[in-house]
Amino acid sequence: MYDFVIIGGGIIGMSTAMQLIDVYPDARIALLEKESGPACHQTGHNSGVIHAGVYYTPGSLKAQFLPGGEPRHQSLLRSKRHSL
């Protein structure tokens, strides 16, 4: 039995899992991925750019949320909670 089940092992699925671990450290989390490893589908085929939000309509959800992604990305890289 799991508390959360995440479908997809790309950047969104992995980020969601990490956020859930931070908020619910005792939760049992299952991450399901149909490929042989993480980021083998859409995440592994994009340009690899983390957008800053400057090109989006001011006040839109993308413009609001994208600037927060870069500090979280840097935090993830410094945390060593990955195999990169």
PDB file of N, CA and C in Angstrom:
ATOM      1  N   MET A   1       0.850  -1.170   0.000  1.00  0.00           N
ATOM      2  CA  MET A   1       0.000   0.000   0.000  1.00  0.00           C
ATOM      3  C   MET A   1       0.896   1.233   0.000  1.00  0.00           C
ATOM      4  N   TYR A   2       0.553   2.190  -0.837  1.00  0.00           N
ATOM      5  CA  TYR A   2       1.315   3.433  -0.944  1.00  0.00           C
ATOM      6  C   TYR A   2       0.438   4.620  -0.590  1.00  0.00           C
ATOM      7  N   ASP A   3       1.076   5.660  -0.093  1.00  0.00           N
ATOM      8  CA  ASP A   3       0.369   6.908   0.181  1.00  0.00           C
ATOM      9  C   ASP A   3       0.210   7.726  -1.090  1.00  0.00           C
ATOM     10  N   PHE A   4       1.208   7.651  -1.965  1.00  0.00           N
ATOM     11  CA  PHE A   4       1.196   8.384  -3.231  1.00  0.00           C
ATOM     12  C   PHE A   4       1.741   7.484  -4.323  1.00  0.00           C
ATOM     13  N   VAL A   5       1.140   7.561  -5.503  1.00  0.00           N
ATOM     14  CA  VAL A   5       1.648   6.861  -6.679  1.00  0.00           C
ATOM     15  C   VAL A   5       1.841   7.908  -7.773  1.00  0.00           C
ATOM     16  N   ILE A   6       3.043   7.991  -8.290  1.00  0.00           N
ATOM     17  CA  ILE A   6       3.381   8.954  -9.337  1.00  0.00           C
ATOM     18  C   ILE A   6       3.631   8.174 -10.615  1.00  0.00           C
ATOM     19  N   ILE A   7       3.019   8.618 -11.694  1.00  0.00           N
ATOM     20  CA  ILE A   7       3.186   7.955 -12.980  1.00  0.00           C
ATOM     21  C   ILE A   7       4.125   8.795 -13.832  1.00  0.00           C
ATOM     22  N   GLY A   8       5.272   8.238 -14.149  1.00  0.00           N
ATOM     23  CA  GLY A   8       6.240   8.915 -14.997  1.00  0.00           C
ATOM     24  C   GLY A   8       7.505   9.282 -14.248  1.00  0.00           C
ATOM     25  N   GLY A   9       8.651   8.838 -14.771  1.00  0.00           N
ATOM     26  CA  GLY A   9       9.934   9.090 -14.141  1.00  0.00           C
ATOM     27  C   GLY A   9      10.742  10.170 -14.828  1.00  0.00           C
ATOM     28  N   GLY A  10      10.048  11.130 -15.421  1.00  0.00           N
ATOM     29  CA  GLY A  10      10.740  12.277 -16.014  1.00  0.00           C
ATOM     30  C   GLY A  10      10.934  13.367 -14.981  1.00  0.00           C
ATOM     31  N   ILE A  11      11.251  14.547 -15.440  1.00  0.00           N
ATOM     32  CA  ILE A  11      11.547  15.649 -14.531  1.00  0.00           C
ATOM     33  C   ILE A  11      10.347  16.003 -13.659  1.00  0.00           C
ATOM     34  N   ILE A  12       9.145  15.949 -14.206  1.00  0.00           N
ATOM     35  CA  ILE A  12       7.958  16.292 -13.416  1.00  0.00           C
ATOM     36  C   ILE A  12       7.680  15.216 -12.373  1.00  0.00           C
ATOM     37  N   GLY A  13       7.723  13.951 -12.778  1.00  0.00           N
ATOM     38  CA  GLY A  13       7.482  12.872 -11.826  1.00  0.00           C
ATOM     39  C   GLY A  13       8.514  12.833 -10.716  1.00  0.00           C
ATOM     40  N   MET A  14       9.786  12.983 -11.090  1.00  0.00           N
ATOM     41  CA  MET A  14      10.853  12.967 -10.085  1.00  0.00           C
ATOM     42  C   MET A  14      10.762  14.180  -9.161  1.00  0.00           C
ATOM     43  N   SER A  15      10.467  15.349  -9.728  1.00  0.00           N
ATOM     44  CA  SER A  15      10.328  16.559  -8.905  1.00  0.00           C
ATOM     45  C   SER A  15       9.158  16.431  -7.945  1.00  0.00           C
ATOM     46  N   THR A  16       8.066  15.870  -8.436  1.00  0.00           N
ATOM     47  CA  THR A  16       6.897  15.661  -7.582  1.00  0.00           C
ATOM     48  C   THR A  16       7.246  14.722  -6.435  1.00  0.00           C
ATOM     49  N   ALA A  17       7.952  13.647  -6.741  1.00  0.00           N
ATOM     50  CA  ALA A  17       8.356  12.697  -5.696  1.00  0.00           C
ATOM     51  C   ALA A  17       9.235  13.377  -4.649  1.00  0.00           C
ATOM     52  N   MET A  18      10.174  14.186  -5.094  1.00  0.00           N
ATOM     53  CA  MET A  18      11.061  14.858  -4.137  1.00  0.00           C
ATOM     54  C   MET A  18      10.304  15.853  -3.268  1.00  0.00           C
ATOM     55  N   GLN A  19       9.356  16.577  -3.854  1.00  0.00           N
ATOM     56  CA  GLN A  19       8.558  17.517  -3.067  1.00  0.00           C
ATOM     57  C   GLN A  19       7.717  16.767  -2.040  1.00  0.00           C
ATOM     58  N   LEU A  20       7.141  15.634  -2.442  1.00  0.00           N
ATOM     59  CA  LEU A  20       6.347  14.839  -1.505  1.00  0.00           C
ATOM     60  C   LEU A  20       7.211  14.314  -0.362  1.00  0.00           C
ATOM     61  N   ILE A  21       8.427  13.890  -0.668  1.00  0.00           N
ATOM     62  CA  ILE A  21       9.337  13.411   0.377  1.00  0.00           C
ATOM     63  C   ILE A  21       9.659  14.531   1.358  1.00  0.00           C
ATOM     64  N   ASP A  22       9.865  15.734   0.831  1.00  0.00           N
ATOM     65  CA  ASP A  22      10.165  16.869   1.710  1.00  0.00           C
ATOM     66  C   ASP A  22       8.994  17.206   2.627  1.00  0.00           C
ATOM     67  N   VAL A  23       7.776  17.139   2.085  1.00  0.00           N
ATOM     68  CA  VAL A  23       6.583  17.512   2.860  1.00  0.00           C
ATOM     69  C   VAL A  23       6.105  16.363   3.740  1.00  0.00           C
ATOM     70  N   TYR A  24       6.190  15.135   3.223  1.00  0.00           N
ATOM     71  CA  TYR A  24       5.713  13.946   3.941  1.00  0.00           C
ATOM     72  C   TYR A  24       6.857  12.930   4.046  1.00  0.00           C
ATOM     73  N   PRO A  25       7.833  13.153   4.917  1.00  0.00           N
ATOM     74  CA  PRO A  25       9.018  12.284   4.961  1.00  0.00           C
ATOM     75  C   PRO A  25       8.729  10.822   5.294  1.00  0.00           C
ATOM     76  N   ASP A  26       7.620  10.537   5.919  1.00  0.00           N
ATOM     77  CA  ASP A  26       7.294   9.151   6.274  1.00  0.00           C
ATOM     78  C   ASP A  26       6.369   8.477   5.264  1.00  0.00           C
ATOM     79  N   ALA A  27       6.004   9.190   4.207  1.00  0.00           N
ATOM     80  CA  ALA A  27       5.069   8.637   3.217  1.00  0.00           C
ATOM     81  C   ALA A  27       5.741   7.543   2.394  1.00  0.00           C
ATOM     82  N   ARG A  28       4.919   6.598   1.981  1.00  0.00           N
ATOM     83  CA  ARG A  28       5.372   5.556   1.059  1.00  0.00           C
ATOM     84  C   ARG A  28       4.989   6.018  -0.337  1.00  0.00           C
ATOM     85  N   ILE A  29       5.993   6.166  -1.192  1.00  0.00           N
ATOM     86  CA  ILE A  29       5.783   6.722  -2.525  1.00  0.00           C
ATOM     87  C   ILE A  29       6.230   5.711  -3.569  1.00  0.00           C
ATOM     88  N   ALA A  30       5.361   5.449  -4.538  1.00  0.00           N
ATOM     89  CA  ALA A  30       5.714   4.598  -5.673  1.00  0.00           C
ATOM     90  C   ALA A  30       5.814   5.485  -6.906  1.00  0.00           C
ATOM     91  N   LEU A  31       6.887   5.322  -7.669  1.00  0.00           N
ATOM     92  CA  LEU A  31       7.054   6.045  -8.917  1.00  0.00           C
ATOM     93  C   LEU A  31       7.090   5.009 -10.030  1.00  0.00           C
ATOM     94  N   LEU A  32       6.133   5.074 -10.932  1.00  0.00           N
ATOM     95  CA  LEU A  32       6.016   4.096 -12.009  1.00  0.00           C
ATOM     96  C   LEU A  32       6.554   4.682 -13.309  1.00  0.00           C
ATOM     97  N   GLU A  33       7.399   3.932 -13.986  1.00  0.00           N
ATOM     98  CA  GLU A  33       7.976   4.378 -15.257  1.00  0.00           C
ATOM     99  C   GLU A  33       7.951   3.219 -16.236  1.00  0.00           C
ATOM    100  N   LYS A  34       7.412   3.437 -17.428  1.00  0.00           N
ATOM    101  CA  LYS A  34       7.304   2.355 -18.405  1.00  0.00           C
ATOM    102  C   LYS A  34       8.616   2.067 -19.130  1.00  0.00           C
ATOM    103  N   GLU A  35       9.527   3.039 -19.157  1.00  0.00           N
ATOM    104  CA  GLU A  35      10.803   2.850 -19.844  1.00  0.00           C
ATOM    105  C   GLU A  35      11.800   2.134 -18.929  1.00  0.00           C
ATOM    106  N   SER A  36      12.975   1.852 -19.444  1.00  0.00           N
ATOM    107  CA  SER A  36      13.979   1.111 -18.673  1.00  0.00           C
ATOM    108  C   SER A  36      14.717   1.969 -17.650  1.00  0.00           C
ATOM    109  N   GLY A  37      14.530   3.286 -17.699  1.00  0.00           N
ATOM    110  CA  GLY A  37      15.190   4.176 -16.749  1.00  0.00           C
ATOM    111  C   GLY A  37      14.506   5.524 -16.723  1.00  0.00           C
ATOM    112  N   PRO A  38      14.963   6.409 -15.850  1.00  0.00           N
ATOM    113  CA  PRO A  38      14.340   7.728 -15.742  1.00  0.00           C
ATOM    114  C   PRO A  38      14.677   8.627 -16.932  1.00  0.00           C
ATOM    115  N   ALA A  39      13.795   9.554 -17.204  1.00  0.00           N
ATOM    116  CA  ALA A  39      13.990  10.593 -18.227  1.00  0.00           C
ATOM    117  C   ALA A  39      14.239  10.023 -19.622  1.00  0.00           C
ATOM    118  N   CYS A  40      13.676   8.876 -19.927  1.00  0.00           N
ATOM    119  CA  CYS A  40      13.872   8.262 -21.243  1.00  0.00           C
ATOM    120  C   CYS A  40      12.826   8.696 -22.263  1.00  0.00           C
ATOM    121  N   HIS A  41      11.818   9.383 -21.836  1.00  0.00           N
ATOM    122  CA  HIS A  41      10.752   9.761 -22.759  1.00  0.00           C
ATOM    123  C   HIS A  41      10.863  11.243 -23.061  1.00  0.00           C
ATOM    124  N   GLN A  42       9.844  12.030 -22.785  1.00  0.00           N
ATOM    125  CA  GLN A  42       9.843  13.450 -23.151  1.00  0.00           C
ATOM    126  C   GLN A  42      10.972  14.240 -22.500  1.00  0.00           C
ATOM    127  N   THR A  43      11.210  14.033 -21.222  1.00  0.00           N
ATOM    128  CA  THR A  43      12.272  14.772 -20.534  1.00  0.00           C
ATOM    129  C   THR A  43      13.623  14.545 -21.204  1.00  0.00           C
ATOM    130  N   GLY A  44      13.879  13.350 -21.645  1.00  0.00           N
ATOM    131  CA  GLY A  44      15.155  13.037 -22.276  1.00  0.00           C
ATOM    132  C   GLY A  44      15.275  13.510 -23.710  1.00  0.00           C
ATOM    133  N   HIS A  45      14.196  14.058 -24.273  1.00  0.00           N
ATOM    134  CA  HIS A  45      14.206  14.491 -25.672  1.00  0.00           C
ATOM    135  C   HIS A  45      13.979  15.988 -25.842  1.00  0.00           C
ATOM    136  N   ASN A  46      14.030  16.743 -24.769  1.00  0.00           N
ATOM    137  CA  ASN A  46      13.839  18.189 -24.916  1.00  0.00           C
ATOM    138  C   ASN A  46      15.192  18.887 -24.988  1.00  0.00           C
ATOM    139  N   SER A  47      15.182  20.193 -25.025  1.00  0.00           N
ATOM    140  CA  SER A  47      16.425  20.956 -25.193  1.00  0.00           C
ATOM    141  C   SER A  47      17.250  21.049 -23.915  1.00  0.00           C
ATOM    142  N   GLY A  48      16.695  20.649 -22.789  1.00  0.00           N
ATOM    143  CA  GLY A  48      17.423  20.703 -21.532  1.00  0.00           C
ATOM    144  C   GLY A  48      17.488  22.079 -20.910  1.00  0.00           C
ATOM    145  N   VAL A  49      16.662  22.988 -21.380  1.00  0.00           N
ATOM    146  CA  VAL A  49      16.670  24.365 -20.885  1.00  0.00           C
ATOM    147  C   VAL A  49      15.629  24.525 -19.787  1.00  0.00           C
ATOM    148  N   ILE A  50      16.009  25.161 -18.694  1.00  0.00           N
ATOM    149  CA  ILE A  50      15.042  25.541 -17.669  1.00  0.00           C
ATOM    150  C   ILE A  50      14.679  26.990 -17.945  1.00  0.00           C
ATOM    151  N   HIS A  51      13.442  27.219 -18.302  1.00  0.00           N
ATOM    152  CA  HIS A  51      13.000  28.556 -18.700  1.00  0.00           C
ATOM    153  C   HIS A  51      12.851  29.475 -17.496  1.00  0.00           C
ATOM    154  N   ALA A  52      13.239  30.717 -17.670  1.00  0.00           N
ATOM    155  CA  ALA A  52      13.215  31.695 -16.578  1.00  0.00           C
ATOM    156  C   ALA A  52      11.871  32.389 -16.428  1.00  0.00           C
ATOM    157  N   GLY A  53      10.989  32.282 -17.399  1.00  0.00           N
ATOM    158  CA  GLY A  53       9.677  32.909 -17.301  1.00  0.00           C
ATOM    159  C   GLY A  53       9.589  34.293 -17.901  1.00  0.00           C
ATOM    160  N   VAL A  54      10.703  34.817 -18.428  1.00  0.00           N
ATOM    161  CA  VAL A  54      10.693  36.190 -18.944  1.00  0.00           C
ATOM    162  C   VAL A  54       9.926  36.329 -20.253  1.00  0.00           C
ATOM    163  N   TYR A  55       9.677  35.242 -20.954  1.00  0.00           N
ATOM    164  CA  TYR A  55       8.991  35.306 -22.243  1.00  0.00           C
ATOM    165  C   TYR A  55       7.488  35.112 -22.135  1.00  0.00           C
ATOM    166  N   TYR A  56       6.993  34.915 -20.938  1.00  0.00           N
ATOM    167  CA  TYR A  56       5.583  34.608 -20.765  1.00  0.00           C
ATOM    168  C   TYR A  56       4.796  35.832 -20.326  1.00  0.00           C
ATOM    169  N   THR A  57       3.511  35.810 -20.577  1.00  0.00           N
ATOM    170  CA  THR A  57       2.634  36.925 -20.237  1.00  0.00           C
ATOM    171  C   THR A  57       2.727  37.232 -18.746  1.00  0.00           C
ATOM    172  N   PRO A  58       3.027  38.486 -18.397  1.00  0.00           N
ATOM    173  CA  PRO A  58       3.095  38.843 -16.972  1.00  0.00           C
ATOM    174  C   PRO A  58       1.804  38.469 -16.241  1.00  0.00           C
ATOM    175  N   GLY A  59       1.957  37.863 -15.102  1.00  0.00           N
ATOM    176  CA  GLY A  59       0.806  37.452 -14.310  1.00  0.00           C
ATOM    177  C   GLY A  59       0.287  36.066 -14.643  1.00  0.00           C
ATOM    178  N   SER A  60       0.728  35.474 -15.774  1.00  0.00           N
ATOM    179  CA  SER A  60       0.269  34.128 -16.126  1.00  0.00           C
ATOM    180  C   SER A  60       0.891  33.118 -15.163  1.00  0.00           C
ATOM    181  N   LEU A  61       0.314  31.924 -15.102  1.00  0.00           N
ATOM    182  CA  LEU A  61       0.851  30.896 -14.204  1.00  0.00           C
ATOM    183  C   LEU A  61       2.298  30.558 -14.546  1.00  0.00           C
ATOM    184  N   LYS A  62       2.612  30.460 -15.844  1.00  0.00           N
ATOM    185  CA  LYS A  62       3.996  30.160 -16.224  1.00  0.00           C
ATOM    186  C   LYS A  62       4.939  31.246 -15.731  1.00  0.00           C
ATOM    187  N   ALA A  63       4.552  32.501 -15.920  1.00  0.00           N
ATOM    188  CA  ALA A  63       5.408  33.609 -15.479  1.00  0.00           C
ATOM    189  C   ALA A  63       5.580  33.609 -13.964  1.00  0.00           C
ATOM    190  N   GLN A  64       4.574  33.159 -13.242  1.00  0.00           N
ATOM    191  CA  GLN A  64       4.651  33.135 -11.780  1.00  0.00           C
ATOM    192  C   GLN A  64       5.498  31.976 -11.259  1.00  0.00           C
ATOM    193  N   PHE A  65       5.336  30.804 -11.865  1.00  0.00           N
ATOM    194  CA  PHE A  65       5.975  29.604 -11.324  1.00  0.00           C
ATOM    195  C   PHE A  65       7.370  29.323 -11.861  1.00  0.00           C
ATOM    196  N   LEU A  66       7.663  29.693 -13.074  1.00  0.00           N
ATOM    197  CA  LEU A  66       8.954  29.344 -13.656  1.00  0.00           C
ATOM    198  C   LEU A  66      10.157  29.931 -12.924  1.00  0.00           C
ATOM    199  N   PRO A  67      10.116  31.175 -12.452  1.00  0.00           N
ATOM    200  CA  PRO A  67      11.300  31.693 -11.751  1.00  0.00           C
ATOM    201  C   PRO A  67      11.679  30.888 -10.505  1.00  0.00           C
ATOM    202  N   GLY A  68      10.736  30.227  -9.884  1.00  0.00           N
ATOM    203  CA  GLY A  68      11.035  29.413  -8.706  1.00  0.00           C
ATOM    204  C   GLY A  68      11.719  28.106  -9.040  1.00  0.00           C
ATOM    205  N   GLY A  69      11.683  27.701 -10.309  1.00  0.00           N
ATOM    206  CA  GLY A  69      12.275  26.431 -10.704  1.00  0.00           C
ATOM    207  C   GLY A  69      13.788  26.418 -10.651  1.00  0.00           C
ATOM    208  N   GLU A  70      14.414  27.516 -11.016  1.00  0.00           N
ATOM    209  CA  GLU A  70      15.877  27.555 -11.057  1.00  0.00           C
ATOM    210  C   GLU A  70      16.491  27.379  -9.673  1.00  0.00           C
ATOM    211  N   PRO A  71      16.032  28.101  -8.647  1.00  0.00           N
ATOM    212  CA  PRO A  71      16.605  27.861  -7.312  1.00  0.00           C
ATOM    213  C   PRO A  71      16.368  26.434  -6.815  1.00  0.00           C
ATOM    214  N   ARG A  72      15.216  25.871  -7.144  1.00  0.00           N
ATOM    215  CA  ARG A  72      14.947  24.481  -6.727  1.00  0.00           C
ATOM    216  C   ARG A  72      15.868  23.519  -7.459  1.00  0.00           C
ATOM    217  N   HIS A  73      16.105  23.793  -8.726  1.00  0.00           N
ATOM    218  CA  HIS A  73      17.015  22.962  -9.506  1.00  0.00           C
ATOM    219  C   HIS A  73      18.419  23.016  -8.900  1.00  0.00           C
ATOM    220  N   GLN A  74      18.895  24.206  -8.588  1.00  0.00           N
ATOM    221  CA  GLN A  74      20.215  24.356  -7.971  1.00  0.00           C
ATOM    222  C   GLN A  74      20.277  23.645  -6.617  1.00  0.00           C
ATOM    223  N   SER A  75      19.213  23.753  -5.852  1.00  0.00           N
ATOM    224  CA  SER A  75      19.152  23.084  -4.551  1.00  0.00           C
ATOM    225  C   SER A  75      19.234  21.568  -4.719  1.00  0.00           C
ATOM    226  N   LEU A  76      18.519  21.046  -5.706  1.00  0.00           N
ATOM    227  CA  LEU A  76      18.563  19.606  -5.983  1.00  0.00           C
ATOM    228  C   LEU A  76      19.981  19.183  -6.341  1.00  0.00           C
ATOM    229  N   LEU A  77      20.632  19.936  -7.200  1.00  0.00           N
ATOM    230  CA  LEU A  77      21.985  19.565  -7.608  1.00  0.00           C
ATOM    231  C   LEU A  77      22.959  19.586  -6.435  1.00  0.00           C
ATOM    232  N   ARG A  78      22.808  20.538  -5.539  1.00  0.00           N
ATOM    233  CA  ARG A  78      23.693  20.626  -4.370  1.00  0.00           C
ATOM    234  C   ARG A  78      23.379  19.555  -3.327  1.00  0.00           C
ATOM    235  N   SER A  79      22.159  19.054  -3.313  1.00  0.00           N
ATOM    236  CA  SER A  79      21.732  18.129  -2.261  1.00  0.00           C
ATOM    237  C   SER A  79      22.321  16.731  -2.404  1.00  0.00           C
ATOM    238  N   LYS A  80      22.791  16.379  -3.581  1.00  0.00           N
ATOM    239  CA  LYS A  80      23.335  15.034  -3.853  1.00  0.00           C
ATOM    240  C   LYS A  80      22.276  13.951  -3.679  1.00  0.00           C
ATOM    241  N   ARG A  81      20.991  14.323  -3.854  1.00  0.00           N
ATOM    242  CA  ARG A  81      19.905  13.341  -3.761  1.00  0.00           C
ATOM    243  C   ARG A  81      19.579  12.794  -5.144  1.00  0.00           C
ATOM    244  N   HIS A  82      20.599  12.524  -5.920  1.00  0.00           N
ATOM    245  CA  HIS A  82      20.424  12.073  -7.292  1.00  0.00           C
ATOM    246  C   HIS A  82      21.708  11.368  -7.719  1.00  0.00           C
ATOM    247  N   SER A  83      21.738  10.895  -8.939  1.00  0.00           N
ATOM    248  CA  SER A  83      22.949  10.232  -9.439  1.00  0.00           C
ATOM    249  C   SER A  83      23.571  11.012 -10.591  1.00  0.00           C
ATOM    250  N   LEU A  84      23.332  12.324 -10.631  1.00  0.00           N
ATOM    251  CA  LEU A  84      23.887  13.149 -11.712  1.00  0.00           C
ATOM    252  C   LEU A  84      25.307  13.558 -11.403  1.00  0.00           C
TER     253      LEU A  84
END
